Amino acid sequence: LLTNQHSEPAAPPAAQEQPERPLPDDTPLPEIPGTGVLRQGDSGHGV
């Protein structure tokens, strides 16, 4: 353990090196349960 503390740090995984990419504008956001417009005739957890 003492010997490994002085060794060079491991290279970061490839996924961490890539910058975050925004979602395309036409990608819909996921619906959060209990949100959205509710009106007569609807049913489910939100109601």
PDB file of all heavy atoms in Angstrom:
ATOM      1  N   LEU A   1       0.830  -1.206   0.000  1.00  0.00           N
ATOM      2  CA  LEU A   1       0.000   0.000   0.000  1.00  0.00           C
ATOM      3  C   LEU A   1       0.864   1.255   0.000  1.00  0.00           C
ATOM      4  O   LEU A   1       0.576   2.212  -0.705  1.00  0.00           O
ATOM      5  CB  LEU A   1      -0.941   0.007   1.211  1.00  0.00           C
ATOM      6  CG  LEU A   1      -2.102  -0.987   1.170  1.00  0.00           C
ATOM      7  CD1 LEU A   1      -2.858  -0.959   2.495  1.00  0.00           C
ATOM      8  CD2 LEU A   1      -3.047  -0.694   0.023  1.00  0.00           C
ATOM      9  N   LEU A   2       1.923   1.256   0.788  1.00  0.00           N
ATOM     10  CA  LEU A   2       2.826   2.405   0.838  1.00  0.00           C
ATOM     11  C   LEU A   2       3.538   2.588  -0.495  1.00  0.00           C
ATOM     12  O   LEU A   2       3.714   3.701  -0.969  1.00  0.00           O
ATOM     13  CB  LEU A   2       3.855   2.231   1.964  1.00  0.00           C
ATOM     14  CG  LEU A   2       3.300   2.367   3.385  1.00  0.00           C
ATOM     15  CD1 LEU A   2       4.392   2.038   4.395  1.00  0.00           C
ATOM     16  CD2 LEU A   2       2.780   3.770   3.613  1.00  0.00           C
ATOM     17  N   THR A   3       3.931   1.518  -1.122  1.00  0.00           N
ATOM     18  CA  THR A   3       4.632   1.590  -2.405  1.00  0.00           C
ATOM     19  C   THR A   3       3.705   2.129  -3.484  1.00  0.00           C
ATOM     20  O   THR A   3       4.087   2.947  -4.297  1.00  0.00           O
ATOM     21  CB  THR A   3       5.145   0.195  -2.810  1.00  0.00           C
ATOM     22  OG1 THR A   3       5.928  -0.322  -1.749  1.00  0.00           O
ATOM     23  CG2 THR A   3       5.954   0.262  -4.069  1.00  0.00           C
ATOM     24  N   ASN A   4       2.415   1.719  -3.489  1.00  0.00           N
ATOM     25  CA  ASN A   4       1.465   2.155  -4.517  1.00  0.00           C
ATOM     26  C   ASN A   4       1.079   3.620  -4.366  1.00  0.00           C
ATOM     27  O   ASN A   4       0.657   4.249  -5.317  1.00  0.00           O
ATOM     28  CB  ASN A   4       0.200   1.288  -4.479  1.00  0.00           C
ATOM     29  CG  ASN A   4       0.466  -0.100  -5.033  1.00  0.00           C
ATOM     30  OD1 ASN A   4       1.421  -0.298  -5.776  1.00  0.00           O
ATOM     31  ND2 ASN A   4      -0.378  -1.050  -4.650  1.00  0.00           N
ATOM     32  N   GLN A   5       1.233   4.202  -3.186  1.00  0.00           N
ATOM     33  CA  GLN A   5       0.876   5.606  -2.992  1.00  0.00           C
ATOM     34  C   GLN A   5       1.789   6.520  -3.790  1.00  0.00           C
ATOM     35  O   GLN A   5       1.403   7.597  -4.184  1.00  0.00           O
ATOM     36  CB  GLN A   5       0.960   5.974  -1.514  1.00  0.00           C
ATOM     37  CG  GLN A   5      -0.211   5.438  -0.715  1.00  0.00           C
ATOM     38  CD  GLN A   5      -0.107   5.853   0.735  1.00  0.00           C
ATOM     39  OE1 GLN A   5       0.885   6.430   1.168  1.00  0.00           O
ATOM     40  NE2 GLN A   5      -1.143   5.539   1.503  1.00  0.00           N
ATOM     41  N   HIS A   6       3.018   6.123  -4.053  1.00  0.00           N
ATOM     42  CA  HIS A   6       3.967   6.973  -4.747  1.00  0.00           C
ATOM     43  C   HIS A   6       4.007   6.705  -6.239  1.00  0.00           C
ATOM     44  O   HIS A   6       4.749   7.340  -6.957  1.00  0.00           O
ATOM     45  CB  HIS A   6       5.374   6.793  -4.141  1.00  0.00           C
ATOM     46  CG  HIS A   6       5.423   7.206  -2.705  1.00  0.00           C
ATOM     47  ND1 HIS A   6       5.272   8.504  -2.297  1.00  0.00           N
ATOM     48  CD2 HIS A   6       5.582   6.477  -1.570  1.00  0.00           C
ATOM     49  CE1 HIS A   6       5.344   8.568  -0.983  1.00  0.00           C
ATOM     50  NE2 HIS A   6       5.531   7.340  -0.516  1.00  0.00           N
ATOM     51  N   SER A   7       3.217   5.756  -6.710  1.00  0.00           N
ATOM     52  CA  SER A   7       3.214   5.493  -8.142  1.00  0.00           C
ATOM     53  C   SER A   7       2.343   6.524  -8.837  1.00  0.00           C
ATOM     54  O   SER A   7       1.556   7.232  -8.233  1.00  0.00           O
ATOM     55  CB  SER A   7       2.708   4.070  -8.423  1.00  0.00           C
ATOM     56  OG  SER A   7       1.372   3.952  -7.986  1.00  0.00           O
ATOM     57  N   GLU A   8       2.459   6.618 -10.155  1.00  0.00           N
ATOM     58  CA  GLU A   8       1.711   7.598 -10.933  1.00  0.00           C
ATOM     59  C   GLU A   8       0.230   7.259 -10.909  1.00  0.00           C
ATOM     60  O   GLU A   8      -0.138   6.093 -10.886  1.00  0.00           O
ATOM     61  CB  GLU A   8       2.237   7.604 -12.367  1.00  0.00           C
ATOM     62  CG  GLU A   8       3.692   7.987 -12.425  1.00  0.00           C
ATOM     63  CD  GLU A   8       4.001   8.802 -13.649  1.00  0.00           C
ATOM     64  OE1 GLU A   8       3.074   9.189 -14.357  1.00  0.00           O
ATOM     65  OE2 GLU A   8       5.166   9.051 -13.873  1.00  0.00           O
ATOM     66  N   PRO A   9      -0.629   8.276 -10.906  1.00  0.00           N
ATOM     67  CA  PRO A   9      -2.060   7.999 -10.883  1.00  0.00           C
ATOM     68  C   PRO A   9      -2.495   7.301 -12.164  1.00  0.00           C
ATOM     69  O   PRO A   9      -1.935   7.521 -13.228  1.00  0.00           O
ATOM     70  CB  PRO A   9      -2.708   9.389 -10.773  1.00  0.00           C
ATOM     71  CG  PRO A   9      -1.656  10.363 -11.166  1.00  0.00           C
ATOM     72  CD  PRO A   9      -0.334   9.696 -10.926  1.00  0.00           C
ATOM     73  N   ALA A  10      -3.513   6.475 -12.024  1.00  0.00           N
ATOM     74  CA  ALA A  10      -4.038   5.761 -13.183  1.00  0.00           C
ATOM     75  C   ALA A  10      -4.703   6.748 -14.127  1.00  0.00           C
ATOM     76  O   ALA A  10      -5.219   7.769 -13.710  1.00  0.00           O
ATOM     77  CB  ALA A  10      -5.052   4.720 -12.719  1.00  0.00           C
ATOM     78  N   ALA A  11      -4.666   6.437 -15.398  1.00  0.00           N
ATOM     79  CA  ALA A  11      -5.309   7.295 -16.389  1.00  0.00           C
ATOM     80  C   ALA A  11      -6.818   7.247 -16.193  1.00  0.00           C
ATOM     81  O   ALA A  11      -7.371   6.196 -15.884  1.00  0.00           O
ATOM     82  CB  ALA A  11      -4.947   6.825 -17.795  1.00  0.00           C
ATOM     83  N   PRO A  12      -7.502   8.396 -16.364  1.00  0.00           N
ATOM     84  CA  PRO A  12      -8.958   8.389 -16.186  1.00  0.00           C
ATOM     85  C   PRO A  12      -9.619   7.566 -17.278  1.00  0.00           C
ATOM     86  O   PRO A  12      -9.100   7.461 -18.383  1.00  0.00           O
ATOM     87  CB  PRO A  12      -9.337   9.866 -16.298  1.00  0.00           C
ATOM     88  CG  PRO A  12      -8.209  10.523 -17.006  1.00  0.00           C
ATOM     89  CD  PRO A  12      -6.993   9.694 -16.715  1.00  0.00           C
ATOM     90  N   PRO A  13     -10.780   6.981 -16.982  1.00  0.00           N
ATOM     91  CA  PRO A  13     -11.482   6.215 -17.998  1.00  0.00           C
ATOM     92  C   PRO A  13     -11.854   7.101 -19.179  1.00  0.00           C
ATOM     93  O   PRO A  13     -12.033   8.306 -19.050  1.00  0.00           O
ATOM     94  CB  PRO A  13     -12.742   5.721 -17.285  1.00  0.00           C
ATOM     95  CG  PRO A  13     -12.538   5.984 -15.841  1.00  0.00           C
ATOM     96  CD  PRO A  13     -11.442   6.972 -15.704  1.00  0.00           C
ATOM     97  N   ALA A  14     -11.980   6.495 -20.340  1.00  0.00           N
ATOM     98  CA  ALA A  14     -12.263   7.242 -21.555  1.00  0.00           C
ATOM     99  C   ALA A  14     -13.561   8.035 -21.438  1.00  0.00           C
ATOM    100  O   ALA A  14     -13.684   9.127 -21.974  1.00  0.00           O
ATOM    101  CB  ALA A  14     -12.333   6.291 -22.741  1.00  0.00           C
ATOM    102  N   ALA A  15     -14.546   7.528 -20.716  1.00  0.00           N
ATOM    103  CA  ALA A  15     -15.830   8.213 -20.607  1.00  0.00           C
ATOM    104  C   ALA A  15     -15.689   9.556 -19.897  1.00  0.00           C
ATOM    105  O   ALA A  15     -16.408  10.491 -20.184  1.00  0.00           O
ATOM    106  CB  ALA A  15     -16.827   7.340 -19.865  1.00  0.00           C
ATOM    107  N   GLN A  16     -14.747   9.658 -18.968  1.00  0.00           N
ATOM    108  CA  GLN A  16     -14.557  10.911 -18.246  1.00  0.00           C
ATOM    109  C   GLN A  16     -13.843  11.947 -19.102  1.00  0.00           C
ATOM    110  O   GLN A  16     -13.948  13.127 -18.853  1.00  0.00           O
ATOM    111  CB  GLN A  16     -13.764  10.663 -16.971  1.00  0.00           C
ATOM    112  CG  GLN A  16     -14.560   9.927 -15.921  1.00  0.00           C
ATOM    113  CD  GLN A  16     -13.747   9.722 -14.657  1.00  0.00           C
ATOM    114  OE1 GLN A  16     -12.568  10.068 -14.591  1.00  0.00           O
ATOM    115  NE2 GLN A  16     -14.384   9.160 -13.646  1.00  0.00           N
ATOM    116  N   GLU A  17     -13.121  11.532 -20.114  1.00  0.00           N
ATOM    117  CA  GLU A  17     -12.373  12.467 -20.939  1.00  0.00           C
ATOM    118  C   GLU A  17     -13.257  13.157 -21.966  1.00  0.00           C
ATOM    119  O   GLU A  17     -12.918  14.216 -22.453  1.00  0.00           O
ATOM    120  CB  GLU A  17     -11.236  11.727 -21.659  1.00  0.00           C
ATOM    121  CG  GLU A  17     -10.171  11.207 -20.702  1.00  0.00           C
ATOM    122  CD  GLU A  17      -9.146  10.347 -21.404  1.00  0.00           C
ATOM    123  OE1 GLU A  17      -9.249  10.145 -22.621  1.00  0.00           O
ATOM    124  OE2 GLU A  17      -8.233   9.875 -20.717  1.00  0.00           O
ATOM    125  N   GLN A  18     -14.404  12.578 -22.288  1.00  0.00           N
ATOM    126  CA  GLN A  18     -15.276  13.160 -23.290  1.00  0.00           C
ATOM    127  C   GLN A  18     -16.118  14.265 -22.673  1.00  0.00           C
ATOM    128  O   GLN A  18     -16.674  14.104 -21.596  1.00  0.00           O
ATOM    129  CB  GLN A  18     -16.206  12.092 -23.883  1.00  0.00           C
ATOM    130  CG  GLN A  18     -15.464  11.006 -24.608  1.00  0.00           C
ATOM    131  CD  GLN A  18     -16.416   9.914 -25.073  1.00  0.00           C
ATOM    132  OE1 GLN A  18     -17.599   9.968 -24.814  1.00  0.00           O
ATOM    133  NE2 GLN A  18     -15.879   8.931 -25.752  1.00  0.00           N
ATOM    134  N   PRO A  19     -16.230  15.408 -23.353  1.00  0.00           N
ATOM    135  CA  PRO A  19     -17.070  16.471 -22.816  1.00  0.00           C
ATOM    136  C   PRO A  19     -18.541  16.066 -22.903  1.00  0.00           C
ATOM    137  O   PRO A  19     -18.924  15.268 -23.750  1.00  0.00           O
ATOM    138  CB  PRO A  19     -16.771  17.656 -23.730  1.00  0.00           C
ATOM    139  CG  PRO A  19     -16.269  17.054 -25.001  1.00  0.00           C
ATOM    140  CD  PRO A  19     -15.594  15.770 -24.599  1.00  0.00           C
ATOM    141  N   GLU A  20     -19.350  16.631 -22.011  1.00  0.00           N
ATOM    142  CA  GLU A  20     -20.777  16.337 -22.049  1.00  0.00           C
ATOM    143  C   GLU A  20     -21.368  16.966 -23.304  1.00  0.00           C
ATOM    144  O   GLU A  20     -21.064  18.089 -23.651  1.00  0.00           O
ATOM    145  CB  GLU A  20     -21.469  16.910 -20.815  1.00  0.00           C
ATOM    146  CG  GLU A  20     -21.122  16.168 -19.558  1.00  0.00           C
ATOM    147  CD  GLU A  20     -21.909  16.683 -18.374  1.00  0.00           C
ATOM    148  OE1 GLU A  20     -23.049  17.134 -18.561  1.00  0.00           O
ATOM    149  OE2 GLU A  20     -21.373  16.653 -17.277  1.00  0.00           O
ATOM    150  N   ARG A  21     -22.208  16.200 -23.953  1.00  0.00           N
ATOM    151  CA  ARG A  21     -22.869  16.711 -25.151  1.00  0.00           C
ATOM    152  C   ARG A  21     -24.320  16.992 -24.827  1.00  0.00           C
ATOM    153  O   ARG A  21     -24.993  16.147 -24.246  1.00  0.00           O
ATOM    154  CB  ARG A  21     -22.773  15.688 -26.278  1.00  0.00           C
ATOM    155  CG  ARG A  21     -21.345  15.575 -26.814  1.00  0.00           C
ATOM    156  CD  ARG A  21     -21.290  14.532 -27.872  1.00  0.00           C
ATOM    157  NE  ARG A  21     -21.287  13.237 -27.163  1.00  0.00           N
ATOM    158  CZ  ARG A  21     -21.381  12.061 -27.740  1.00  0.00           C
ATOM    159  NH1 ARG A  21     -21.500  11.974 -29.029  1.00  0.00           N
ATOM    160  NH2 ARG A  21     -21.355  10.949 -27.043  1.00  0.00           N
ATOM    161  N   PRO A  22     -24.843  18.166 -25.200  1.00  0.00           N
ATOM    162  CA  PRO A  22     -26.258  18.442 -24.940  1.00  0.00           C
ATOM    163  C   PRO A  22     -27.154  17.577 -25.812  1.00  0.00           C
ATOM    164  O   PRO A  22     -26.742  17.123 -26.877  1.00  0.00           O
ATOM    165  CB  PRO A  22     -26.409  19.926 -25.304  1.00  0.00           C
ATOM    166  CG  PRO A  22     -25.278  20.202 -26.244  1.00  0.00           C
ATOM    167  CD  PRO A  22     -24.166  19.251 -25.861  1.00  0.00           C
ATOM    168  N   LEU A  23     -28.369  17.356 -25.348  1.00  0.00           N
ATOM    169  CA  LEU A  23     -29.337  16.607 -26.134  1.00  0.00           C
ATOM    170  C   LEU A  23     -29.765  17.458 -27.328  1.00  0.00           C
ATOM    171  O   LEU A  23     -29.840  18.669 -27.233  1.00  0.00           O
ATOM    172  CB  LEU A  23     -30.566  16.285 -25.282  1.00  0.00           C
ATOM    173  CG  LEU A  23     -30.346  15.344 -24.113  1.00  0.00           C
ATOM    174  CD1 LEU A  23     -31.599  15.263 -23.262  1.00  0.00           C
ATOM    175  CD2 LEU A  23     -29.961  13.970 -24.606  1.00  0.00           C
ATOM    176  N   PRO A  24     -30.066  16.829 -28.441  1.00  0.00           N
ATOM    177  CA  PRO A  24     -30.584  17.598 -29.570  1.00  0.00           C
ATOM    178  C   PRO A  24     -31.883  18.302 -29.170  1.00  0.00           C
ATOM    179  O   PRO A  24     -32.620  17.837 -28.308  1.00  0.00           O
ATOM    180  CB  PRO A  24     -30.856  16.538 -30.640  1.00  0.00           C
ATOM    181  CG  PRO A  24     -30.121  15.321 -30.209  1.00  0.00           C
ATOM    182  CD  PRO A  24     -29.938  15.420 -28.730  1.00  0.00           C
ATOM    183  N   ASP A  25     -32.159  19.433 -29.783  1.00  0.00           N
ATOM    184  CA  ASP A  25     -33.332  20.236 -29.433  1.00  0.00           C
ATOM    185  C   ASP A  25     -34.649  19.483 -29.572  1.00  0.00           C
ATOM    186  O   ASP A  25     -35.615  19.788 -28.888  1.00  0.00           O
ATOM    187  CB  ASP A  25     -33.380  21.498 -30.291  1.00  0.00           C
ATOM    188  CG  ASP A  25     -32.265  22.465 -29.933  1.00  0.00           C
ATOM    189  OD1 ASP A  25     -31.694  22.339 -28.835  1.00  0.00           O
ATOM    190  OD2 ASP A  25     -31.974  23.339 -30.746  1.00  0.00           O
ATOM    191  N   ASP A  26     -34.709  18.513 -30.451  1.00  0.00           N
ATOM    192  CA  ASP A  26     -35.972  17.812 -30.678  1.00  0.00           C
ATOM    193  C   ASP A  26     -36.174  16.611 -29.757  1.00  0.00           C
ATOM    194  O   ASP A  26     -37.169  15.919 -29.851  1.00  0.00           O
ATOM    195  CB  ASP A  26     -36.084  17.375 -32.140  1.00  0.00           C
ATOM    196  CG  ASP A  26     -34.962  16.422 -32.557  1.00  0.00           C
ATOM    197  OD1 ASP A  26     -33.975  16.294 -31.812  1.00  0.00           O
ATOM    198  OD2 ASP A  26     -35.086  15.816 -33.632  1.00  0.00           O
ATOM    199  N   THR A  27     -35.251  16.388 -28.822  1.00  0.00           N
ATOM    200  CA  THR A  27     -35.384  15.275 -27.893  1.00  0.00           C
ATOM    201  C   THR A  27     -36.316  15.684 -26.756  1.00  0.00           C
ATOM    202  O   THR A  27     -36.038  16.630 -26.035  1.00  0.00           O
ATOM    203  CB  THR A  27     -34.014  14.878 -27.299  1.00  0.00           C
ATOM    204  OG1 THR A  27     -33.142  14.549 -28.356  1.00  0.00           O
ATOM    205  CG2 THR A  27     -34.157  13.702 -26.343  1.00  0.00           C
ATOM    206  N   PRO A  28     -37.466  15.011 -26.581  1.00  0.00           N
ATOM    207  CA  PRO A  28     -38.379  15.387 -25.503  1.00  0.00           C
ATOM    208  C   PRO A  28     -37.808  15.001 -24.142  1.00  0.00           C
ATOM    209  O   PRO A  28     -37.127  13.999 -24.012  1.00  0.00           O
ATOM    210  CB  PRO A  28     -39.644  14.579 -25.811  1.00  0.00           C
ATOM    211  CG  PRO A  28     -39.162  13.408 -26.609  1.00  0.00           C
ATOM    212  CD  PRO A  28     -37.946  13.881 -27.372  1.00  0.00           C
ATOM    213  N   LEU A  29     -38.095  15.820 -23.154  1.00  0.00           N
ATOM    214  CA  LEU A  29     -37.670  15.512 -21.793  1.00  0.00           C
ATOM    215  C   LEU A  29     -38.585  14.433 -21.231  1.00  0.00           C
ATOM    216  O   LEU A  29     -39.758  14.362 -21.593  1.00  0.00           O
ATOM    217  CB  LEU A  29     -37.740  16.765 -20.933  1.00  0.00           C
ATOM    218  CG  LEU A  29     -36.779  17.879 -21.322  1.00  0.00           C
ATOM    219  CD1 LEU A  29     -37.042  19.118 -20.481  1.00  0.00           C
ATOM    220  CD2 LEU A  29     -35.342  17.432 -21.170  1.00  0.00           C
ATOM    221  N   PRO A  30     -38.077  13.603 -20.338  1.00  0.00           N
ATOM    222  CA  PRO A  30     -38.931  12.564 -19.763  1.00  0.00           C
ATOM    223  C   PRO A  30     -40.021  13.188 -18.905  1.00  0.00           C
ATOM    224  O   PRO A  30     -39.811  14.218 -18.277  1.00  0.00           O
ATOM    225  CB  PRO A  30     -37.968  11.735 -18.916  1.00  0.00           C
ATOM    226  CG  PRO A  30     -36.804  12.625 -18.672  1.00  0.00           C
ATOM    227  CD  PRO A  30     -36.721  13.571 -19.829  1.00  0.00           C
ATOM    228  N   GLU A  31     -41.172  12.576 -18.892  1.00  0.00           N
ATOM    229  CA  GLU A  31     -42.303  13.036 -18.076  1.00  0.00           C
ATOM    230  C   GLU A  31     -42.056  12.642 -16.633  1.00  0.00           C
ATOM    231  O   GLU A  31     -41.707  11.512 -16.339  1.00  0.00           O
ATOM    232  CB  GLU A  31     -43.596  12.402 -18.580  1.00  0.00           C
ATOM    233  CG  GLU A  31     -44.828  12.874 -17.853  1.00  0.00           C
ATOM    234  CD  GLU A  31     -45.244  14.294 -18.195  1.00  0.00           C
ATOM    235  OE1 GLU A  31     -44.808  14.817 -19.227  1.00  0.00           O
ATOM    236  OE2 GLU A  31     -46.000  14.884 -17.413  1.00  0.00           O
ATOM    237  N   ILE A  32     -42.224  13.583 -15.739  1.00  0.00           N
ATOM    238  CA  ILE A  32     -42.069  13.311 -14.318  1.00  0.00           C
ATOM    239  C   ILE A  32     -43.439  12.923 -13.781  1.00  0.00           C
ATOM    240  O   ILE A  32     -44.414  13.638 -14.025  1.00  0.00           O
ATOM    241  CB  ILE A  32     -41.532  14.553 -13.576  1.00  0.00           C
ATOM    242  CG1 ILE A  32     -40.157  14.920 -14.135  1.00  0.00           C
ATOM    243  CG2 ILE A  32     -41.477  14.318 -12.074  1.00  0.00           C
ATOM    244  CD1 ILE A  32     -39.638  16.246 -13.650  1.00  0.00           C
ATOM    245  N   PRO A  33     -43.550  11.803 -13.056  1.00  0.00           N
ATOM    246  CA  PRO A  33     -44.861  11.401 -12.554  1.00  0.00           C
ATOM    247  C   PRO A  33     -45.513  12.505 -11.734  1.00  0.00           C
ATOM    248  O   PRO A  33     -44.865  13.160 -10.938  1.00  0.00           O
ATOM    249  CB  PRO A  33     -44.559  10.187 -11.674  1.00  0.00           C
ATOM    250  CG  PRO A  33     -43.257   9.688 -12.182  1.00  0.00           C
ATOM    251  CD  PRO A  33     -42.499  10.890 -12.682  1.00  0.00           C
ATOM    252  N   GLY A  34     -46.786  12.709 -11.966  1.00  0.00           N
ATOM    253  CA  GLY A  34     -47.509  13.718 -11.210  1.00  0.00           C
ATOM    254  C   GLY A  34     -47.426  15.102 -11.797  1.00  0.00           C
ATOM    255  O   GLY A  34     -47.880  16.049 -11.185  1.00  0.00           O
ATOM    256  N   THR A  35     -46.809  15.262 -12.955  1.00  0.00           N
ATOM    257  CA  THR A  35     -46.743  16.568 -13.582  1.00  0.00           C
ATOM    258  C   THR A  35     -47.482  16.551 -14.901  1.00  0.00           C
ATOM    259  O   THR A  35     -47.897  15.519 -15.388  1.00  0.00           O
ATOM    260  CB  THR A  35     -45.285  17.003 -13.822  1.00  0.00           C
ATOM    261  OG1 THR A  35     -44.685  16.096 -14.745  1.00  0.00           O
ATOM    262  CG2 THR A  35     -44.500  17.057 -12.548  1.00  0.00           C
ATOM    263  N   GLY A  36     -47.613  17.712 -15.488  1.00  0.00           N
ATOM    264  CA  GLY A  36     -48.333  17.839 -16.738  1.00  0.00           C
ATOM    265  C   GLY A  36     -49.746  18.322 -16.472  1.00  0.00           C
ATOM    266  O   GLY A  36     -50.202  18.376 -15.337  1.00  0.00           O
ATOM    267  N   VAL A  37     -50.428  18.689 -17.515  1.00  0.00           N
ATOM    268  CA  VAL A  37     -51.784  19.188 -17.398  1.00  0.00           C
ATOM    269  C   VAL A  37     -52.750  18.014 -17.218  1.00  0.00           C
ATOM    270  O   VAL A  37     -52.664  17.027 -17.938  1.00  0.00           O
ATOM    271  CB  VAL A  37     -52.158  20.016 -18.650  1.00  0.00           C
ATOM    272  CG1 VAL A  37     -53.619  20.436 -18.610  1.00  0.00           C
ATOM    273  CG2 VAL A  37     -51.250  21.222 -18.779  1.00  0.00           C
ATOM    274  N   LEU A  38     -53.627  18.142 -16.245  1.00  0.00           N
ATOM    275  CA  LEU A  38     -54.642  17.128 -15.995  1.00  0.00           C
ATOM    276  C   LEU A  38     -56.014  17.762 -16.166  1.00  0.00           C
ATOM    277  O   LEU A  38     -56.240  18.887 -15.725  1.00  0.00           O
ATOM    278  CB  LEU A  38     -54.515  16.564 -14.578  1.00  0.00           C
ATOM    279  CG  LEU A  38     -53.208  15.843 -14.254  1.00  0.00           C
ATOM    280  CD1 LEU A  38     -53.150  15.494 -12.769  1.00  0.00           C
ATOM    281  CD2 LEU A  38     -53.074  14.591 -15.101  1.00  0.00           C
ATOM    282  N   ARG A  39     -56.913  17.024 -16.814  1.00  0.00           N
ATOM    283  CA  ARG A  39     -58.274  17.520 -17.026  1.00  0.00           C
ATOM    284  C   ARG A  39     -59.263  16.377 -16.926  1.00  0.00           C
ATOM    285  O   ARG A  39     -58.871  15.215 -16.857  1.00  0.00           O
ATOM    286  CB  ARG A  39     -58.387  18.238 -18.360  1.00  0.00           C
ATOM    287  CG  ARG A  39     -57.946  17.418 -19.544  1.00  0.00           C
ATOM    288  CD  ARG A  39     -58.090  18.133 -20.886  1.00  0.00           C
ATOM    289  NE  ARG A  39     -57.824  19.541 -20.909  1.00  0.00           N
ATOM    290  CZ  ARG A  39     -56.648  20.102 -21.212  1.00  0.00           C
ATOM    291  NH1 ARG A  39     -55.626  19.344 -21.514  1.00  0.00           N
ATOM    292  NH2 ARG A  39     -56.501  21.403 -21.211  1.00  0.00           N
ATOM    293  N   GLN A  40     -60.540  16.746 -16.929  1.00  0.00           N
ATOM    294  CA  GLN A  40     -61.593  15.753 -16.799  1.00  0.00           C
ATOM    295  C   GLN A  40     -61.405  14.663 -17.846  1.00  0.00           C
ATOM    296  O   GLN A  40     -61.136  14.931 -19.009  1.00  0.00           O
ATOM    297  CB  GLN A  40     -62.961  16.408 -16.968  1.00  0.00           C
ATOM    298  CG  GLN A  40     -64.088  15.499 -16.579  1.00  0.00           C
ATOM    299  CD  GLN A  40     -65.402  16.250 -16.421  1.00  0.00           C
ATOM    300  OE1 GLN A  40     -65.443  17.468 -16.379  1.00  0.00           O
ATOM    301  NE2 GLN A  40     -66.487  15.499 -16.317  1.00  0.00           N
ATOM    302  N   GLY A  41     -61.518  13.408 -17.405  1.00  0.00           N
ATOM    303  CA  GLY A  41     -61.317  12.249 -18.271  1.00  0.00           C
ATOM    304  C   GLY A  41     -59.961  11.596 -18.083  1.00  0.00           C
ATOM    305  O   GLY A  41     -59.767  10.444 -18.453  1.00  0.00           O
ATOM    306  N   ASP A  42     -59.001  12.333 -17.483  1.00  0.00           N
ATOM    307  CA  ASP A  42     -57.680  11.757 -17.231  1.00  0.00           C
ATOM    308  C   ASP A  42     -57.730  10.815 -16.037  1.00  0.00           C
ATOM    309  O   ASP A  42     -58.652  10.875 -15.210  1.00  0.00           O
ATOM    310  CB  ASP A  42     -56.650  12.861 -16.954  1.00  0.00           C
ATOM    311  CG  ASP A  42     -56.290  13.657 -18.199  1.00  0.00           C
ATOM    312  OD1 ASP A  42     -56.544  13.165 -19.314  1.00  0.00           O
ATOM    313  OD2 ASP A  42     -55.755  14.771 -18.050  1.00  0.00           O
ATOM    314  N   SER A  43     -56.730   9.962 -15.941  1.00  0.00           N
ATOM    315  CA  SER A  43     -56.625   9.063 -14.798  1.00  0.00           C
ATOM    316  C   SER A  43     -55.159   8.732 -14.566  1.00  0.00           C
ATOM    317  O   SER A  43     -54.326   8.965 -15.420  1.00  0.00           O
ATOM    318  CB  SER A  43     -57.428   7.782 -15.042  1.00  0.00           C
ATOM    319  OG  SER A  43     -56.902   7.091 -16.150  1.00  0.00           O
ATOM    320  N   GLY A  44     -54.881   8.218 -13.385  1.00  0.00           N
ATOM    321  CA  GLY A  44     -53.523   7.795 -13.075  1.00  0.00           C
ATOM    322  C   GLY A  44     -53.004   8.398 -11.787  1.00  0.00           C
ATOM    323  O   GLY A  44     -53.740   9.016 -11.006  1.00  0.00           O
ATOM    324  N   HIS A  45     -51.695   8.225 -11.597  1.00  0.00           N
ATOM    325  CA  HIS A  45     -51.044   8.651 -10.360  1.00  0.00           C
ATOM    326  C   HIS A  45     -51.167  10.154 -10.123  1.00  0.00           C
ATOM    327  O   HIS A  45     -51.382  10.600  -8.994  1.00  0.00           O
ATOM    328  CB  HIS A  45     -49.568   8.242 -10.365  1.00  0.00           C
ATOM    329  CG  HIS A  45     -48.838   8.705  -9.143  1.00  0.00           C
ATOM    330  ND1 HIS A  45     -48.994   8.102  -7.916  1.00  0.00           N
ATOM    331  CD2 HIS A  45     -47.985   9.741  -8.951  1.00  0.00           C
ATOM    332  CE1 HIS A  45     -48.254   8.748  -7.018  1.00  0.00           C
ATOM    333  NE2 HIS A  45     -47.640   9.742  -7.625  1.00  0.00           N
ATOM    334  N   GLY A  46     -51.025  10.946 -11.163  1.00  0.00           N
ATOM    335  CA  GLY A  46     -51.126  12.397 -11.017  1.00  0.00           C
ATOM    336  C   GLY A  46     -52.483  12.823 -10.503  1.00  0.00           C
ATOM    337  O   GLY A  46     -52.603  13.732  -9.674  1.00  0.00           O
ATOM    338  N   VAL A  47     -53.537  12.180 -10.985  1.00  0.00           N
ATOM    339  CA  VAL A  47     -54.895  12.501 -10.529  1.00  0.00           C
ATOM    340  C   VAL A  47     -55.066  12.043  -9.079  1.00  0.00           C
ATOM    341  O   VAL A  47     -55.662  12.757  -8.262  1.00  0.00           O
ATOM    342  CB  VAL A  47     -55.963  11.854 -11.438  1.00  0.00           C
ATOM    343  CG1 VAL A  47     -57.367  12.158 -10.923  1.00  0.00           C
ATOM    344  CG2 VAL A  47     -55.807  12.324 -12.876  1.00  0.00           C
TER     345      VAL A  47
END
